[in-house]
Amino acid sequence: KVSDLYIDCHFKVEWKEQEEAIPQVMENLKYIEEQLKGNKFFGGET
């Protein structure tokens, strides 16, 4: 709502609609986690 993604997500969790959105955030982080399998960094070793 205010352009700063994580700030809105984690500083406004008192509001019900934001609380309901947290599971989707966690799901998206899982996708990112998968990209690091076998690698130190996202592209490899550097």
ModelCIF file with pLDDT and N, C-alpha, C, O atoms, coordinates in Angstrom:
data_MODEL
#
_entry.id   MODEL 
#
_entity.id                         1 
_entity.type                       polymer 
_entity.pdbx_number_of_molecules   1 
#
_entity_poly.entity_id                      1 
_entity_poly.type                           'polypeptide(L)' 
_entity_poly.nstd_linkage                   no 
_entity_poly.nstd_monomer                   no 
_entity_poly.pdbx_seq_one_letter_code       KVSDLYIDCHFKVEWKEQEEAIPQVMENLKYIEEQLKGNKFFGGET 
_entity_poly.pdbx_seq_one_letter_code_can   KVSDLYIDCHFKVEWKEQEEAIPQVMENLKYIEEQLKGNKFFGGET 
_entity_poly.pdbx_strand_id                 A 
#
loop_
_entity_poly_seq.entity_id 
_entity_poly_seq.num 
_entity_poly_seq.mon_id 
_entity_poly_seq.hetero 
1 1  LYS n 
1 2  VAL n 
1 3  SER n 
1 4  ASP n 
1 5  LEU n 
1 6  TYR n 
1 7  ILE n 
1 8  ASP n 
1 9  CYS n 
1 10 HIS n 
1 11 PHE n 
1 12 LYS n 
1 13 VAL n 
1 14 GLU n 
1 15 TRP n 
1 16 LYS n 
1 17 GLU n 
1 18 GLN n 
1 19 GLU n 
1 20 GLU n 
1 21 ALA n 
1 22 ILE n 
1 23 PRO n 
1 24 GLN n 
1 25 VAL n 
1 26 MET n 
1 27 GLU n 
1 28 ASN n 
1 29 LEU n 
1 30 LYS n 
1 31 TYR n 
1 32 ILE n 
1 33 GLU n 
1 34 GLU n 
1 35 GLN n 
1 36 LEU n 
1 37 LYS n 
1 38 GLY n 
1 39 ASN n 
1 40 LYS n 
1 41 PHE n 
1 42 PHE n 
1 43 GLY n 
1 44 GLY n 
1 45 GLU n 
1 46 THR n 
#
_struct_asym.id          A 
_struct_asym.entity_id   1 
#
loop_
_ma_qa_metric.id 
_ma_qa_metric.mode 
_ma_qa_metric.name 
_ma_qa_metric.software_group_id 
_ma_qa_metric.type 
1 global pLDDT . pLDDT 
2 local  pLDDT . pLDDT 
#
_ma_qa_metric_global.metric_id      1 
_ma_qa_metric_global.metric_value   68.74 
_ma_qa_metric_global.model_id       1 
_ma_qa_metric_global.ordinal_id     1 
#
loop_
_ma_qa_metric_local.label_asym_id 
_ma_qa_metric_local.label_comp_id 
_ma_qa_metric_local.label_seq_id 
_ma_qa_metric_local.metric_id 
_ma_qa_metric_local.metric_value 
_ma_qa_metric_local.model_id 
_ma_qa_metric_local.ordinal_id 
A LYS 1  2 31.00 1 1  
A VAL 2  2 30.00 1 2  
A SER 3  2 33.00 1 3  
A ASP 4  2 41.00 1 4  
A LEU 5  2 40.00 1 5  
A TYR 6  2 48.00 1 6  
A ILE 7  2 48.00 1 7  
A ASP 8  2 47.00 1 8  
A CYS 9  2 50.00 1 9  
A HIS 10 2 49.00 1 10 
A PHE 11 2 50.00 1 11 
A LYS 12 2 47.00 1 12 
A VAL 13 2 46.00 1 13 
A GLU 14 2 47.00 1 14 
A TRP 15 2 45.00 1 15 
A LYS 16 2 49.00 1 16 
A GLU 17 2 50.00 1 17 
A GLN 18 2 50.00 1 18 
A GLU 19 2 53.00 1 19 
A GLU 20 2 57.00 1 20 
A ALA 21 2 56.00 1 21 
A ILE 22 2 63.00 1 22 
A PRO 23 2 73.00 1 23 
A GLN 24 2 70.00 1 24 
A VAL 25 2 72.00 1 25 
A MET 26 2 77.00 1 26 
A GLU 27 2 83.00 1 27 
A ASN 28 2 83.00 1 28 
A LEU 29 2 84.00 1 29 
A LYS 30 2 90.00 1 30 
A TYR 31 2 91.00 1 31 
A ILE 32 2 92.00 1 32 
A GLU 33 2 93.00 1 33 
A GLU 34 2 95.00 1 34 
A GLN 35 2 94.00 1 35 
A LEU 36 2 96.00 1 36 
A LYS 37 2 95.00 1 37 
A GLY 38 2 94.00 1 38 
A ASN 39 2 94.00 1 39 
A LYS 40 2 96.00 1 40 
A PHE 41 2 97.00 1 41 
A PHE 42 2 95.00 1 42 
A GLY 43 2 88.00 1 43 
A GLY 44 2 92.00 1 44 
A GLU 45 2 93.00 1 45 
A THR 46 2 95.00 1 46 
#
loop_
_atom_site.group_PDB 
_atom_site.id 
_atom_site.type_symbol 
_atom_site.label_atom_id 
_atom_site.label_alt_id 
_atom_site.label_comp_id 
_atom_site.label_asym_id 
_atom_site.label_entity_id 
_atom_site.label_seq_id 
_atom_site.pdbx_PDB_ins_code 
_atom_site.Cartn_x 
_atom_site.Cartn_y 
_atom_site.Cartn_z 
_atom_site.occupancy 
_atom_site.B_iso_or_equiv 
_atom_site.pdbx_formal_charge 
_atom_site.auth_seq_id 
_atom_site.auth_comp_id 
_atom_site.auth_asym_id 
_atom_site.auth_atom_id 
_atom_site.pdbx_PDB_model_num 
ATOM 1   N N  . LYS A 1 1  ? 0.806  -1.215  0.000   1.00 31.00 ? 1  LYS A N  1 
ATOM 2   C CA . LYS A 1 1  ? 0.000  0.000   0.000   1.00 31.00 ? 1  LYS A CA 1 
ATOM 3   C C  . LYS A 1 1  ? 0.843  1.271   0.000   1.00 31.00 ? 1  LYS A C  1 
ATOM 4   O O  . LYS A 1 1  ? 0.407  2.321   -0.471  1.00 31.00 ? 1  LYS A O  1 
ATOM 5   N N  . VAL A 1 2  ? 2.063  1.158   0.538   1.00 30.00 ? 2  VAL A N  1 
ATOM 6   C CA . VAL A 1 2  ? 2.874  2.360   0.695   1.00 30.00 ? 2  VAL A CA 1 
ATOM 7   C C  . VAL A 1 2  ? 4.206  2.207   -0.025  1.00 30.00 ? 2  VAL A C  1 
ATOM 8   O O  . VAL A 1 2  ? 5.118  3.010   0.171   1.00 30.00 ? 2  VAL A O  1 
ATOM 9   N N  . SER A 1 3  ? 4.318  1.168   -0.864  1.00 33.00 ? 3  SER A N  1 
ATOM 10  C CA . SER A 1 3  ? 5.446  0.904   -1.752  1.00 33.00 ? 3  SER A CA 1 
ATOM 11  C C  . SER A 1 3  ? 6.607  0.177   -1.094  1.00 33.00 ? 3  SER A C  1 
ATOM 12  O O  . SER A 1 3  ? 7.467  -0.338  -1.808  1.00 33.00 ? 3  SER A O  1 
ATOM 13  N N  . ASP A 1 4  ? 6.673  0.110   0.217   1.00 41.00 ? 4  ASP A N  1 
ATOM 14  C CA . ASP A 1 4  ? 7.800  -0.558  0.854   1.00 41.00 ? 4  ASP A CA 1 
ATOM 15  C C  . ASP A 1 4  ? 7.338  -1.952  1.294   1.00 41.00 ? 4  ASP A C  1 
ATOM 16  O O  . ASP A 1 4  ? 6.725  -2.096  2.352   1.00 41.00 ? 4  ASP A O  1 
ATOM 17  N N  . LEU A 1 5  ? 7.625  -2.958  0.500   1.00 40.00 ? 5  LEU A N  1 
ATOM 18  C CA . LEU A 1 5  ? 6.966  -4.248  0.606   1.00 40.00 ? 5  LEU A CA 1 
ATOM 19  C C  . LEU A 1 5  ? 7.074  -4.875  1.981   1.00 40.00 ? 5  LEU A C  1 
ATOM 20  O O  . LEU A 1 5  ? 6.057  -5.192  2.598   1.00 40.00 ? 5  LEU A O  1 
ATOM 21  N N  . TYR A 1 6  ? 8.283  -5.057  2.467   1.00 48.00 ? 6  TYR A N  1 
ATOM 22  C CA . TYR A 1 6  ? 8.431  -5.729  3.747   1.00 48.00 ? 6  TYR A CA 1 
ATOM 23  C C  . TYR A 1 6  ? 7.922  -4.879  4.898   1.00 48.00 ? 6  TYR A C  1 
ATOM 24  O O  . TYR A 1 6  ? 7.408  -5.410  5.883   1.00 48.00 ? 6  TYR A O  1 
ATOM 25  N N  . ILE A 1 7  ? 8.058  -3.585  4.784   1.00 48.00 ? 7  ILE A N  1 
ATOM 26  C CA . ILE A 1 7  ? 7.568  -2.720  5.859   1.00 48.00 ? 7  ILE A CA 1 
ATOM 27  C C  . ILE A 1 7  ? 6.062  -2.879  5.982   1.00 48.00 ? 7  ILE A C  1 
ATOM 28  O O  . ILE A 1 7  ? 5.545  -3.056  7.085   1.00 48.00 ? 7  ILE A O  1 
ATOM 29  N N  . ASP A 1 8  ? 5.357  -2.819  4.864   1.00 47.00 ? 8  ASP A N  1 
ATOM 30  C CA . ASP A 1 8  ? 3.911  -2.986  4.905   1.00 47.00 ? 8  ASP A CA 1 
ATOM 31  C C  . ASP A 1 8  ? 3.544  -4.360  5.439   1.00 47.00 ? 8  ASP A C  1 
ATOM 32  O O  . ASP A 1 8  ? 2.625  -4.497  6.247   1.00 47.00 ? 8  ASP A O  1 
ATOM 33  N N  . CYS A 1 9  ? 4.267  -5.376  4.983   1.00 50.00 ? 9  CYS A N  1 
ATOM 34  C CA . CYS A 1 9  ? 3.936  -6.746  5.361   1.00 50.00 ? 9  CYS A CA 1 
ATOM 35  C C  . CYS A 1 9  ? 4.103  -6.982  6.843   1.00 50.00 ? 9  CYS A C  1 
ATOM 36  O O  . CYS A 1 9  ? 3.212  -7.540  7.483   1.00 50.00 ? 9  CYS A O  1 
ATOM 37  N N  . HIS A 1 10 ? 5.218  -6.572  7.397   1.00 49.00 ? 10 HIS A N  1 
ATOM 38  C CA . HIS A 1 10 ? 5.539  -6.951  8.765   1.00 49.00 ? 10 HIS A CA 1 
ATOM 39  C C  . HIS A 1 10 ? 5.230  -5.882  9.808   1.00 49.00 ? 10 HIS A C  1 
ATOM 40  O O  . HIS A 1 10 ? 5.176  -6.185  11.000  1.00 49.00 ? 10 HIS A O  1 
ATOM 41  N N  . PHE A 1 11 ? 5.024  -4.636  9.380   1.00 50.00 ? 11 PHE A N  1 
ATOM 42  C CA . PHE A 1 11 ? 4.699  -3.604  10.345  1.00 50.00 ? 11 PHE A CA 1 
ATOM 43  C C  . PHE A 1 11 ? 3.200  -3.374  10.437  1.00 50.00 ? 11 PHE A C  1 
ATOM 44  O O  . PHE A 1 11 ? 2.744  -2.655  11.327  1.00 50.00 ? 11 PHE A O  1 
ATOM 45  N N  . LYS A 1 12 ? 2.424  -3.967  9.539   1.00 47.00 ? 12 LYS A N  1 
ATOM 46  C CA . LYS A 1 12 ? 0.990  -3.759  9.555   1.00 47.00 ? 12 LYS A CA 1 
ATOM 47  C C  . LYS A 1 12 ? 0.243  -5.063  9.789   1.00 47.00 ? 12 LYS A C  1 
ATOM 48  O O  . LYS A 1 12 ? -0.940 -5.173  9.469   1.00 47.00 ? 12 LYS A O  1 
ATOM 49  N N  . VAL A 1 13 ? 0.937  -6.051  10.349  1.00 46.00 ? 13 VAL A N  1 
ATOM 50  C CA . VAL A 1 13 ? 0.306  -7.356  10.548  1.00 46.00 ? 13 VAL A CA 1 
ATOM 51  C C  . VAL A 1 13 ? -0.834 -7.295  11.560  1.00 46.00 ? 13 VAL A C  1 
ATOM 52  O O  . VAL A 1 13 ? -1.595 -8.256  11.672  1.00 46.00 ? 13 VAL A O  1 
ATOM 53  N N  . GLU A 1 14 ? -0.977 -6.187  12.307  1.00 47.00 ? 14 GLU A N  1 
ATOM 54  C CA . GLU A 1 14 ? -2.092 -6.081  13.235  1.00 47.00 ? 14 GLU A CA 1 
ATOM 55  C C  . GLU A 1 14 ? -3.424 -6.064  12.485  1.00 47.00 ? 14 GLU A C  1 
ATOM 56  O O  . GLU A 1 14 ? -4.456 -6.421  13.053  1.00 47.00 ? 14 GLU A O  1 
ATOM 57  N N  . TRP A 1 15 ? -3.410 -5.656  11.229  1.00 45.00 ? 15 TRP A N  1 
ATOM 58  C CA . TRP A 1 15 ? -4.630 -5.596  10.445  1.00 45.00 ? 15 TRP A CA 1 
ATOM 59  C C  . TRP A 1 15 ? -4.913 -6.970  9.858   1.00 45.00 ? 15 TRP A C  1 
ATOM 60  O O  . TRP A 1 15 ? -4.006 -7.628  9.348   1.00 45.00 ? 15 TRP A O  1 
ATOM 61  N N  . LYS A 1 16 ? -6.165 -7.405  9.928   1.00 49.00 ? 16 LYS A N  1 
ATOM 62  C CA . LYS A 1 16 ? -6.541 -8.775  9.585   1.00 49.00 ? 16 LYS A CA 1 
ATOM 63  C C  . LYS A 1 16 ? -6.116 -9.150  8.166   1.00 49.00 ? 16 LYS A C  1 
ATOM 64  O O  . LYS A 1 16 ? -5.623 -10.255 7.943   1.00 49.00 ? 16 LYS A O  1 
ATOM 65  N N  . GLU A 1 17 ? -6.300 -8.239  7.205   1.00 50.00 ? 17 GLU A N  1 
ATOM 66  C CA . GLU A 1 17 ? -5.979 -8.589  5.827   1.00 50.00 ? 17 GLU A CA 1 
ATOM 67  C C  . GLU A 1 17 ? -4.494 -8.870  5.638   1.00 50.00 ? 17 GLU A C  1 
ATOM 68  O O  . GLU A 1 17 ? -4.117 -9.706  4.817   1.00 50.00 ? 17 GLU A O  1 
ATOM 69  N N  . GLN A 1 18 ? -3.641 -8.167  6.405   1.00 50.00 ? 18 GLN A N  1 
ATOM 70  C CA . GLN A 1 18 ? -2.213 -8.446  6.302   1.00 50.00 ? 18 GLN A CA 1 
ATOM 71  C C  . GLN A 1 18 ? -1.863 -9.783  6.953   1.00 50.00 ? 18 GLN A C  1 
ATOM 72  O O  . GLN A 1 18 ? -1.015 -10.519 6.450   1.00 50.00 ? 18 GLN A O  1 
ATOM 73  N N  . GLU A 1 19 ? -2.508 -10.091 8.054   1.00 53.00 ? 19 GLU A N  1 
ATOM 74  C CA . GLU A 1 19 ? -2.249 -11.363 8.727   1.00 53.00 ? 19 GLU A CA 1 
ATOM 75  C C  . GLU A 1 19 ? -2.595 -12.528 7.812   1.00 53.00 ? 19 GLU A C  1 
ATOM 76  O O  . GLU A 1 19 ? -1.894 -13.540 7.791   1.00 53.00 ? 19 GLU A O  1 
ATOM 77  N N  . GLU A 1 20 ? -3.669 -12.384 7.063   1.00 57.00 ? 20 GLU A N  1 
ATOM 78  C CA . GLU A 1 20 ? -4.069 -13.440 6.156   1.00 57.00 ? 20 GLU A CA 1 
ATOM 79  C C  . GLU A 1 20 ? -3.100 -13.587 4.987   1.00 57.00 ? 20 GLU A C  1 
ATOM 80  O O  . GLU A 1 20 ? -3.046 -14.641 4.353   1.00 57.00 ? 20 GLU A O  1 
ATOM 81  N N  . ALA A 1 21 ? -2.339 -12.539 4.700   1.00 56.00 ? 21 ALA A N  1 
ATOM 82  C CA . ALA A 1 21 ? -1.409 -12.588 3.570   1.00 56.00 ? 21 ALA A CA 1 
ATOM 83  C C  . ALA A 1 21 ? -0.087 -13.258 3.921   1.00 56.00 ? 21 ALA A C  1 
ATOM 84  O O  . ALA A 1 21 ? 0.640  -13.680 3.021   1.00 56.00 ? 21 ALA A O  1 
ATOM 85  N N  . ILE A 1 22 ? 0.245  -13.367 5.212   1.00 63.00 ? 22 ILE A N  1 
ATOM 86  C CA . ILE A 1 22 ? 1.539  -13.903 5.624   1.00 63.00 ? 22 ILE A CA 1 
ATOM 87  C C  . ILE A 1 22 ? 1.806  -15.303 5.069   1.00 63.00 ? 22 ILE A C  1 
ATOM 88  O O  . ILE A 1 22 ? 2.925  -15.554 4.622   1.00 63.00 ? 22 ILE A O  1 
ATOM 89  N N  . PRO A 1 23 ? 0.828  -16.244 5.072   1.00 73.00 ? 23 PRO A N  1 
ATOM 90  C CA . PRO A 1 23 ? 1.107  -17.573 4.517   1.00 73.00 ? 23 PRO A CA 1 
ATOM 91  C C  . PRO A 1 23 ? 1.593  -17.530 3.071   1.00 73.00 ? 23 PRO A C  1 
ATOM 92  O O  . PRO A 1 23 ? 2.445  -18.329 2.682   1.00 73.00 ? 23 PRO A O  1 
ATOM 93  N N  . GLN A 1 24 ? 1.060  -16.605 2.270   1.00 70.00 ? 24 GLN A N  1 
ATOM 94  C CA . GLN A 1 24 ? 1.517  -16.495 0.891   1.00 70.00 ? 24 GLN A CA 1 
ATOM 95  C C  . GLN A 1 24 ? 2.960  -16.004 0.823   1.00 70.00 ? 24 GLN A C  1 
ATOM 96  O O  . GLN A 1 24 ? 3.729  -16.430 -0.038  1.00 70.00 ? 24 GLN A O  1 
ATOM 97  N N  . VAL A 1 25 ? 3.317  -15.107 1.736   1.00 72.00 ? 25 VAL A N  1 
ATOM 98  C CA . VAL A 1 25 ? 4.708  -14.646 1.805   1.00 72.00 ? 25 VAL A CA 1 
ATOM 99  C C  . VAL A 1 25 ? 5.629  -15.831 2.093   1.00 72.00 ? 25 VAL A C  1 
ATOM 100 O O  . VAL A 1 25 ? 6.669  -15.983 1.453   1.00 72.00 ? 25 VAL A O  1 
ATOM 101 N N  . MET A 1 26 ? 5.244  -16.669 3.058   1.00 77.00 ? 26 MET A N  1 
ATOM 102 C CA . MET A 1 26 ? 6.055  -17.832 3.411   1.00 77.00 ? 26 MET A CA 1 
ATOM 103 C C  . MET A 1 26 ? 6.175  -18.797 2.240   1.00 77.00 ? 26 MET A C  1 
ATOM 104 O O  . MET A 1 26 ? 7.234  -19.384 2.016   1.00 77.00 ? 26 MET A O  1 
ATOM 105 N N  . GLU A 1 27 ? 5.083  -18.960 1.492   1.00 83.00 ? 27 GLU A N  1 
ATOM 106 C CA . GLU A 1 27 ? 5.111  -19.836 0.317   1.00 83.00 ? 27 GLU A CA 1 
ATOM 107 C C  . GLU A 1 27 ? 6.094  -19.313 -0.723  1.00 83.00 ? 27 GLU A C  1 
ATOM 108 O O  . GLU A 1 27 ? 6.833  -20.087 -1.332  1.00 83.00 ? 27 GLU A O  1 
ATOM 109 N N  . ASN A 1 28 ? 6.101  -18.001 -0.921  1.00 83.00 ? 28 ASN A N  1 
ATOM 110 C CA . ASN A 1 28 ? 7.026  -17.402 -1.879  1.00 83.00 ? 28 ASN A CA 1 
ATOM 111 C C  . ASN A 1 28 ? 8.477  -17.562 -1.432  1.00 83.00 ? 28 ASN A C  1 
ATOM 112 O O  . ASN A 1 28 ? 9.366  -17.769 -2.259  1.00 83.00 ? 28 ASN A O  1 
ATOM 113 N N  . LEU A 1 29 ? 8.715  -17.466 -0.126  1.00 84.00 ? 29 LEU A N  1 
ATOM 114 C CA . LEU A 1 29 ? 10.063 -17.676 0.380   1.00 84.00 ? 29 LEU A CA 1 
ATOM 115 C C  . LEU A 1 29 ? 10.532 -19.113 0.151   1.00 84.00 ? 29 LEU A C  1 
ATOM 116 O O  . LEU A 1 29 ? 11.721 -19.361 -0.048  1.00 84.00 ? 29 LEU A O  1 
ATOM 117 N N  . LYS A 1 30 ? 9.595  -20.049 0.180   1.00 90.00 ? 30 LYS A N  1 
ATOM 118 C CA . LYS A 1 30 ? 9.957  -21.447 -0.100  1.00 90.00 ? 30 LYS A CA 1 
ATOM 119 C C  . LYS A 1 30 ? 10.458 -21.602 -1.534  1.00 90.00 ? 30 LYS A C  1 
ATOM 120 O O  . LYS A 1 30 ? 11.411 -22.340 -1.785  1.00 90.00 ? 30 LYS A O  1 
ATOM 121 N N  . TYR A 1 31 ? 9.817  -20.907 -2.475  1.00 91.00 ? 31 TYR A N  1 
ATOM 122 C CA . TYR A 1 31 ? 10.277 -20.946 -3.860  1.00 91.00 ? 31 TYR A CA 1 
ATOM 123 C C  . TYR A 1 31 ? 11.714 -20.439 -3.972  1.00 91.00 ? 31 TYR A C  1 
ATOM 124 O O  . TYR A 1 31 ? 12.541 -21.005 -4.686  1.00 91.00 ? 31 TYR A O  1 
ATOM 125 N N  . ILE A 1 32 ? 11.985 -19.356 -3.244  1.00 92.00 ? 32 ILE A N  1 
ATOM 126 C CA . ILE A 1 32 ? 13.331 -18.776 -3.272  1.00 92.00 ? 32 ILE A CA 1 
ATOM 127 C C  . ILE A 1 32 ? 14.337 -19.726 -2.633  1.00 92.00 ? 32 ILE A C  1 
ATOM 128 O O  . ILE A 1 32 ? 15.452 -19.887 -3.131  1.00 92.00 ? 32 ILE A O  1 
ATOM 129 N N  . GLU A 1 33 ? 13.943 -20.349 -1.536  1.00 93.00 ? 33 GLU A N  1 
ATOM 130 C CA . GLU A 1 33 ? 14.806 -21.315 -0.859  1.00 93.00 ? 33 GLU A CA 1 
ATOM 131 C C  . GLU A 1 33 ? 15.243 -22.424 -1.812  1.00 93.00 ? 33 GLU A C  1 
ATOM 132 O O  . GLU A 1 33 ? 16.395 -22.856 -1.778  1.00 93.00 ? 33 GLU A O  1 
ATOM 133 N N  . GLU A 1 34 ? 14.332 -22.881 -2.657  1.00 95.00 ? 34 GLU A N  1 
ATOM 134 C CA . GLU A 1 34 ? 14.630 -23.968 -3.597  1.00 95.00 ? 34 GLU A CA 1 
ATOM 135 C C  . GLU A 1 34 ? 15.761 -23.604 -4.556  1.00 95.00 ? 34 GLU A C  1 
ATOM 136 O O  . GLU A 1 34 ? 16.501 -24.477 -5.008  1.00 95.00 ? 34 GLU A O  1 
ATOM 137 N N  . GLN A 1 35 ? 15.890 -22.329 -4.860  1.00 94.00 ? 35 GLN A N  1 
ATOM 138 C CA . GLN A 1 35 ? 16.901 -21.899 -5.832  1.00 94.00 ? 35 GLN A CA 1 
ATOM 139 C C  . GLN A 1 35 ? 18.323 -21.993 -5.285  1.00 94.00 ? 35 GLN A C  1 
ATOM 140 O O  . GLN A 1 35 ? 19.292 -21.889 -6.037  1.00 94.00 ? 35 GLN A O  1 
ATOM 141 N N  . LEU A 1 36 ? 18.442 -22.188 -3.987  1.00 96.00 ? 36 LEU A N  1 
ATOM 142 C CA . LEU A 1 36 ? 19.768 -22.232 -3.365  1.00 96.00 ? 36 LEU A CA 1 
ATOM 143 C C  . LEU A 1 36 ? 20.281 -23.656 -3.154  1.00 96.00 ? 36 LEU A C  1 
ATOM 144 O O  . LEU A 1 36 ? 21.380 -23.843 -2.631  1.00 96.00 ? 36 LEU A O  1 
ATOM 145 N N  . LYS A 1 37 ? 19.515 -24.641 -3.547  1.00 95.00 ? 37 LYS A N  1 
ATOM 146 C CA . LYS A 1 37 ? 19.948 -26.024 -3.340  1.00 95.00 ? 37 LYS A CA 1 
ATOM 147 C C  . LYS A 1 37 ? 21.262 -26.295 -4.073  1.00 95.00 ? 37 LYS A C  1 
ATOM 148 O O  . LYS A 1 37 ? 21.367 -26.113 -5.286  1.00 95.00 ? 37 LYS A O  1 
ATOM 149 N N  . GLY A 1 38 ? 22.260 -26.735 -3.304  1.00 94.00 ? 38 GLY A N  1 
ATOM 150 C CA . GLY A 1 38 ? 23.553 -27.063 -3.880  1.00 94.00 ? 38 GLY A CA 1 
ATOM 151 C C  . GLY A 1 38 ? 24.454 -25.886 -4.165  1.00 94.00 ? 38 GLY A C  1 
ATOM 152 O O  . GLY A 1 38 ? 25.548 -26.058 -4.702  1.00 94.00 ? 38 GLY A O  1 
ATOM 153 N N  . ASN A 1 39 ? 24.004 -24.671 -3.807  1.00 94.00 ? 39 ASN A N  1 
ATOM 154 C CA . ASN A 1 39 ? 24.779 -23.473 -4.111  1.00 94.00 ? 39 ASN A CA 1 
ATOM 155 C C  . ASN A 1 39 ? 25.041 -22.624 -2.871  1.00 94.00 ? 39 ASN A C  1 
ATOM 156 O O  . ASN A 1 39 ? 24.221 -22.566 -1.955  1.00 94.00 ? 39 ASN A O  1 
ATOM 157 N N  . LYS A 1 40 ? 26.184 -21.977 -2.861  1.00 96.00 ? 40 LYS A N  1 
ATOM 158 C CA . LYS A 1 40 ? 26.492 -21.016 -1.805  1.00 96.00 ? 40 LYS A CA 1 
ATOM 159 C C  . LYS A 1 40 ? 25.734 -19.718 -2.048  1.00 96.00 ? 40 LYS A C  1 
ATOM 160 O O  . LYS A 1 40 ? 25.181 -19.119 -1.125  1.00 96.00 ? 40 LYS A O  1 
ATOM 161 N N  . PHE A 1 41 ? 25.719 -19.292 -3.326  1.00 97.00 ? 41 PHE A N  1 
ATOM 162 C CA . PHE A 1 41 ? 24.976 -18.113 -3.750  1.00 97.00 ? 41 PHE A CA 1 
ATOM 163 C C  . PHE A 1 41 ? 23.992 -18.549 -4.833  1.00 97.00 ? 41 PHE A C  1 
ATOM 164 O O  . PHE A 1 41 ? 24.023 -19.697 -5.276  1.00 97.00 ? 41 PHE A O  1 
ATOM 165 N N  . PHE A 1 42 ? 23.126 -17.644 -5.257  1.00 95.00 ? 42 PHE A N  1 
ATOM 166 C CA . PHE A 1 42 ? 22.096 -18.027 -6.219  1.00 95.00 ? 42 PHE A CA 1 
ATOM 167 C C  . PHE A 1 42 ? 22.683 -18.496 -7.546  1.00 95.00 ? 42 PHE A C  1 
ATOM 168 O O  . PHE A 1 42 ? 22.128 -19.376 -8.206  1.00 95.00 ? 42 PHE A O  1 
ATOM 169 N N  . GLY A 1 43 ? 23.815 -17.897 -7.931  1.00 88.00 ? 43 GLY A N  1 
ATOM 170 C CA . GLY A 1 43 ? 24.419 -18.288 -9.198  1.00 88.00 ? 43 GLY A CA 1 
ATOM 171 C C  . GLY A 1 43 ? 25.547 -19.288 -9.075  1.00 88.00 ? 43 GLY A C  1 
ATOM 172 O O  . GLY A 1 43 ? 26.151 -19.662 -10.081 1.00 88.00 ? 43 GLY A O  1 
ATOM 173 N N  . GLY A 1 44 ? 25.847 -19.734 -7.858  1.00 92.00 ? 44 GLY A N  1 
ATOM 174 C CA . GLY A 1 44 ? 26.953 -20.677 -7.683  1.00 92.00 ? 44 GLY A CA 1 
ATOM 175 C C  . GLY A 1 44 ? 27.836 -20.293 -6.512  1.00 92.00 ? 44 GLY A C  1 
ATOM 176 O O  . GLY A 1 44 ? 27.365 -20.181 -5.381  1.00 92.00 ? 44 GLY A O  1 
ATOM 177 N N  . GLU A 1 45 ? 29.104 -20.092 -6.780  1.00 93.00 ? 45 GLU A N  1 
ATOM 178 C CA . GLU A 1 45 ? 30.077 -19.844 -5.716  1.00 93.00 ? 45 GLU A CA 1 
ATOM 179 C C  . GLU A 1 45 ? 30.429 -18.376 -5.538  1.00 93.00 ? 45 GLU A C  1 
ATOM 180 O O  . GLU A 1 45 ? 31.155 -18.029 -4.606  1.00 93.00 ? 45 GLU A O  1 
ATOM 181 N N  . THR A 1 46 ? 29.938 -17.516 -6.399  1.00 95.00 ? 46 THR A N  1 
ATOM 182 C CA . THR A 1 46 ? 30.231 -16.084 -6.276  1.00 95.00 ? 46 THR A CA 1 
ATOM 183 C C  . THR A 1 46 ? 28.938 -15.275 -6.346  1.00 95.00 ? 46 THR A C  1 
ATOM 184 O O  . THR A 1 46 ? 28.972 -14.048 -6.262  1.00 95.00 ? 46 THR A O  1 
#
